[in-house]
Amino acid sequence: QSAATNTGYQSAATNTGYWSAATNTGDRSAATNTGYQSAATNTGDRSAATNTGDRSAASVEGKESIAMATGIQSKAKGAIGCWIVLAEWKEDANYNWRLIDVKSAKVDGEDIKADTWYKLENGKFVEITDEK
């Protein structure tokens, strides 16, 4: 468990541990996590929040930013005008996880709602409504 936080422009907050958080508030910044069940958050404009850990989350609030969550059973959300990128994984008969799809979508407020968590399921963006 660890946390990396930055408030300056063009900053980077990076974590590799499980249950970690990487947070940035400056423009043109990056928040990156590789640990299981971690969170990457960015509020600056033209920034990126990236998560590759399983069951992790990526969110962005700044203009023209990207939230990318590519781990197994992960989620992403963004503000209007931002982009989300998600991966879909399936477990095979031998209990191995296989990457089957990766998609991106612009948060337009209609097809993809602002400040709403999404996952990729059967090749489609699905709103997550059962947050616990």
C-alpha atoms as a PDB file:
ATOM      1  CA  GLN A   1       0.000   0.000   0.000  1.00  0.00           C
ATOM      2  CA  SER A   2       1.473   3.279  -1.061  1.00  0.00           C
ATOM      3  CA  ALA A   3       0.548   6.696  -2.413  1.00  0.00           C
ATOM      4  CA  ALA A   4       2.191   9.112  -4.813  1.00  0.00           C
ATOM      5  CA  THR A   5       0.735  12.607  -5.105  1.00  0.00           C
ATOM      6  CA  ASN A   6       1.755  15.597  -7.219  1.00  0.00           C
ATOM      7  CA  THR A   7       0.325  19.070  -7.652  1.00  0.00           C
ATOM      8  CA  GLY A   8       2.783  20.606 -10.134  1.00  0.00           C
ATOM      9  CA  TYR A   9       2.432  20.920 -13.896  1.00  0.00           C
ATOM     10  CA  GLN A  10       4.029  18.239 -16.069  1.00  0.00           C
ATOM     11  CA  SER A  11       4.342  15.924 -13.076  1.00  0.00           C
ATOM     12  CA  ALA A  12       4.332  12.160 -12.680  1.00  0.00           C
ATOM     13  CA  ALA A  13       2.955  10.064  -9.831  1.00  0.00           C
ATOM     14  CA  THR A  14       3.814   6.382 -10.146  1.00  0.00           C
ATOM     15  CA  ASN A  15       3.093   3.316  -8.018  1.00  0.00           C
ATOM     16  CA  THR A  16       3.791  -0.384  -8.447  1.00  0.00           C
ATOM     17  CA  GLY A  17       2.401  -1.786  -5.172  1.00  0.00           C
ATOM     18  CA  TYR A  18      -0.970  -3.422  -4.584  1.00  0.00           C
ATOM     19  CA  TRP A  19      -3.823  -1.231  -3.253  1.00  0.00           C
ATOM     20  CA  SER A  20      -1.927   1.917  -4.222  1.00  0.00           C
ATOM     21  CA  ALA A  21      -2.929   5.376  -5.369  1.00  0.00           C
ATOM     22  CA  ALA A  22      -1.273   7.731  -7.855  1.00  0.00           C
ATOM     23  CA  THR A  23      -2.802  11.215  -7.982  1.00  0.00           C
ATOM     24  CA  ASN A  24      -1.964  14.359  -9.962  1.00  0.00           C
ATOM     25  CA  THR A  25      -3.571  17.788 -10.057  1.00  0.00           C
ATOM     26  CA  GLY A  26      -1.241  19.614 -12.473  1.00  0.00           C
ATOM     27  CA  ASP A  27      -1.804  20.079 -16.217  1.00  0.00           C
ATOM     28  CA  ARG A  28       0.029  17.776 -18.643  1.00  0.00           C
ATOM     29  CA  SER A  29       0.692  15.238 -15.876  1.00  0.00           C
ATOM     30  CA  ALA A  30       0.615  11.457 -15.564  1.00  0.00           C
ATOM     31  CA  ALA A  31      -0.664   9.202 -12.797  1.00  0.00           C
ATOM     32  CA  THR A  32       0.350   5.572 -13.314  1.00  0.00           C
ATOM     33  CA  ASN A  33      -0.277   2.375 -11.351  1.00  0.00           C
ATOM     34  CA  THR A  34       0.662  -1.224 -12.016  1.00  0.00           C
ATOM     35  CA  GLY A  35      -0.516  -2.806  -8.740  1.00  0.00           C
ATOM     36  CA  TYR A  36      -3.604  -4.921  -8.174  1.00  0.00           C
ATOM     37  CA  GLN A  37      -6.702  -3.005  -6.957  1.00  0.00           C
ATOM     38  CA  SER A  38      -5.063   0.403  -7.379  1.00  0.00           C
ATOM     39  CA  ALA A  39      -6.277   3.849  -8.430  1.00  0.00           C
ATOM     40  CA  ALA A  40      -4.820   6.418 -10.820  1.00  0.00           C
ATOM     41  CA  THR A  41      -6.446   9.869 -10.796  1.00  0.00           C
ATOM     42  CA  ASN A  42      -5.721  13.079 -12.670  1.00  0.00           C
ATOM     43  CA  THR A  43      -7.492  16.420 -12.434  1.00  0.00           C
ATOM     44  CA  GLY A  44      -5.181  18.507 -14.642  1.00  0.00           C
ATOM     45  CA  ASP A  45      -5.885  19.380 -18.282  1.00  0.00           C
ATOM     46  CA  ARG A  46      -4.280  17.276 -21.036  1.00  0.00           C
ATOM     47  CA  SER A  47      -3.276  14.614 -18.514  1.00  0.00           C
ATOM     48  CA  ALA A  48      -3.387  10.825 -18.290  1.00  0.00           C
ATOM     49  CA  ALA A  49      -4.400   8.336 -15.623  1.00  0.00           C
ATOM     50  CA  THR A  50      -3.178   4.833 -16.436  1.00  0.00           C
ATOM     51  CA  ASN A  51      -3.742   1.574 -14.606  1.00  0.00           C
ATOM     52  CA  THR A  52      -2.539  -1.862 -15.681  1.00  0.00           C
ATOM     53  CA  GLY A  53      -3.277  -3.721 -12.434  1.00  0.00           C
ATOM     54  CA  ASP A  54      -6.186  -6.132 -12.181  1.00  0.00           C
ATOM     55  CA  ARG A  55      -9.411  -4.802 -10.594  1.00  0.00           C
ATOM     56  CA  SER A  56      -8.056  -1.264 -10.743  1.00  0.00           C
ATOM     57  CA  ALA A  57      -9.485   2.135 -11.639  1.00  0.00           C
ATOM     58  CA  ALA A  58      -8.445   5.146 -13.727  1.00  0.00           C
ATOM     59  CA  SER A  59     -10.244   8.505 -13.688  1.00  0.00           C
ATOM     60  CA  VAL A  60      -9.666  11.945 -15.193  1.00  0.00           C
ATOM     61  CA  GLU A  61     -11.342  15.310 -14.651  1.00  0.00           C
ATOM     62  CA  GLY A  62      -9.223  17.775 -16.656  1.00  0.00           C
ATOM     63  CA  LYS A  63      -9.978  18.854 -20.224  1.00  0.00           C
ATOM     64  CA  GLU A  64      -8.692  16.670 -23.063  1.00  0.00           C
ATOM     65  CA  SER A  65      -7.424  13.941 -20.740  1.00  0.00           C
ATOM     66  CA  ILE A  66      -7.340  10.140 -20.966  1.00  0.00           C
ATOM     67  CA  ALA A  67      -8.237   7.468 -18.400  1.00  0.00           C
ATOM     68  CA  MET A  68      -6.895   4.031 -19.322  1.00  0.00           C
ATOM     69  CA  ALA A  69      -7.513   0.839 -17.340  1.00  0.00           C
ATOM     70  CA  THR A  70      -6.227  -2.302 -19.036  1.00  0.00           C
ATOM     71  CA  GLY A  71      -6.124  -4.813 -16.177  1.00  0.00           C
ATOM     72  CA  ILE A  72      -8.530  -7.702 -15.709  1.00  0.00           C
ATOM     73  CA  GLN A  73     -11.932  -6.482 -14.412  1.00  0.00           C
ATOM     74  CA  SER A  74     -10.853  -2.831 -14.295  1.00  0.00           C
ATOM     75  CA  LYS A  75     -12.853   0.365 -14.763  1.00  0.00           C
ATOM     76  CA  ALA A  76     -12.454   3.940 -16.011  1.00  0.00           C
ATOM     77  CA  LYS A  77     -14.338   7.246 -15.966  1.00  0.00           C
ATOM     78  CA  GLY A  78     -13.831  10.793 -17.172  1.00  0.00           C
ATOM     79  CA  ALA A  79     -15.298  14.265 -17.509  1.00  0.00           C
ATOM     80  CA  ILE A  80     -17.047  15.517 -20.669  1.00  0.00           C
ATOM     81  CA  GLY A  81     -14.565  15.759 -23.544  1.00  0.00           C
ATOM     82  CA  CYS A  82     -12.139  13.231 -22.035  1.00  0.00           C
ATOM     83  CA  TRP A  83     -11.475   9.725 -23.342  1.00  0.00           C
ATOM     84  CA  ILE A  84     -11.633   6.347 -21.623  1.00  0.00           C
ATOM     85  CA  VAL A  85      -9.753   3.232 -22.735  1.00  0.00           C
ATOM     86  CA  LEU A  86     -10.646  -0.222 -21.431  1.00  0.00           C
ATOM     87  CA  ALA A  87      -9.542  -3.813 -21.992  1.00  0.00           C
ATOM     88  CA  GLU A  88     -11.705  -6.919 -21.847  1.00  0.00           C
ATOM     89  CA  TRP A  89     -10.327 -10.217 -20.602  1.00  0.00           C
ATOM     90  CA  LYS A  90     -11.868 -13.703 -20.528  1.00  0.00           C
ATOM     91  CA  GLU A  91     -10.773 -16.720 -18.535  1.00  0.00           C
ATOM     92  CA  ASP A  92     -10.334 -19.891 -20.599  1.00  0.00           C
ATOM     93  CA  ALA A  93     -10.998 -23.512 -19.618  1.00  0.00           C
ATOM     94  CA  ASN A  94      -7.462 -23.783 -18.188  1.00  0.00           C
ATOM     95  CA  TYR A  95      -8.012 -20.739 -15.916  1.00  0.00           C
ATOM     96  CA  ASN A  96      -5.727 -18.545 -18.012  1.00  0.00           C
ATOM     97  CA  TRP A  97      -6.829 -14.976 -18.706  1.00  0.00           C
ATOM     98  CA  ARG A  98      -6.822 -13.952 -22.375  1.00  0.00           C
ATOM     99  CA  LEU A  99      -7.032 -10.404 -23.706  1.00  0.00           C
ATOM    100  CA  ILE A 100      -9.915 -10.334 -26.188  1.00  0.00           C
ATOM    101  CA  ASP A 101     -10.641  -6.643 -26.800  1.00  0.00           C
ATOM    102  CA  VAL A 102      -9.447  -3.075 -26.205  1.00  0.00           C
ATOM    103  CA  LYS A 103     -11.627  -0.060 -26.964  1.00  0.00           C
ATOM    104  CA  SER A 104     -11.646   3.683 -26.485  1.00  0.00           C
ATOM    105  CA  ALA A 105     -14.547   6.130 -26.330  1.00  0.00           C
ATOM    106  CA  LYS A 106     -15.005   9.838 -25.882  1.00  0.00           C
ATOM    107  CA  VAL A 107     -17.030  10.959 -22.871  1.00  0.00           C
ATOM    108  CA  ASP A 108     -19.786  12.823 -24.706  1.00  0.00           C
ATOM    109  CA  GLY A 109     -22.484  12.874 -22.005  1.00  0.00           C
ATOM    110  CA  GLU A 110     -24.836  10.747 -24.120  1.00  0.00           C
ATOM    111  CA  ASP A 111     -23.334   7.410 -25.155  1.00  0.00           C
ATOM    112  CA  ILE A 112     -20.659   7.655 -22.460  1.00  0.00           C
ATOM    113  CA  LYS A 113     -21.766   9.626 -19.398  1.00  0.00           C
ATOM    114  CA  ALA A 114     -19.477  11.955 -17.459  1.00  0.00           C
ATOM    115  CA  ASP A 115     -18.201  10.893 -14.030  1.00  0.00           C
ATOM    116  CA  THR A 116     -19.617   7.386 -14.483  1.00  0.00           C
ATOM    117  CA  TRP A 117     -17.575   4.207 -14.108  1.00  0.00           C
ATOM    118  CA  TYR A 118     -17.444   1.897 -17.138  1.00  0.00           C
ATOM    119  CA  LYS A 119     -16.112  -1.566 -17.866  1.00  0.00           C
ATOM    120  CA  LEU A 120     -15.753  -3.332 -21.214  1.00  0.00           C
ATOM    121  CA  GLU A 121     -18.071  -6.333 -21.535  1.00  0.00           C
ATOM    122  CA  ASN A 122     -18.828  -8.295 -24.711  1.00  0.00           C
ATOM    123  CA  GLY A 123     -17.090  -5.578 -26.721  1.00  0.00           C
ATOM    124  CA  LYS A 124     -19.305  -2.795 -25.331  1.00  0.00           C
ATOM    125  CA  PHE A 125     -18.918  -0.096 -22.721  1.00  0.00           C
ATOM    126  CA  VAL A 126     -21.116  -1.033 -19.776  1.00  0.00           C
ATOM    127  CA  GLU A 127     -21.999   1.363 -16.963  1.00  0.00           C
ATOM    128  CA  ILE A 128     -21.101   0.047 -13.525  1.00  0.00           C
ATOM    129  CA  THR A 129     -24.073   0.623 -11.255  1.00  0.00           C
ATOM    130  CA  ASP A 130     -23.361  -1.738  -8.355  1.00  0.00           C
ATOM    131  CA  GLU A 131     -20.525   0.154  -6.623  1.00  0.00           C
ATOM    132  CA  LYS A 132     -19.815  -1.127  -3.132  1.00  0.00           C
END
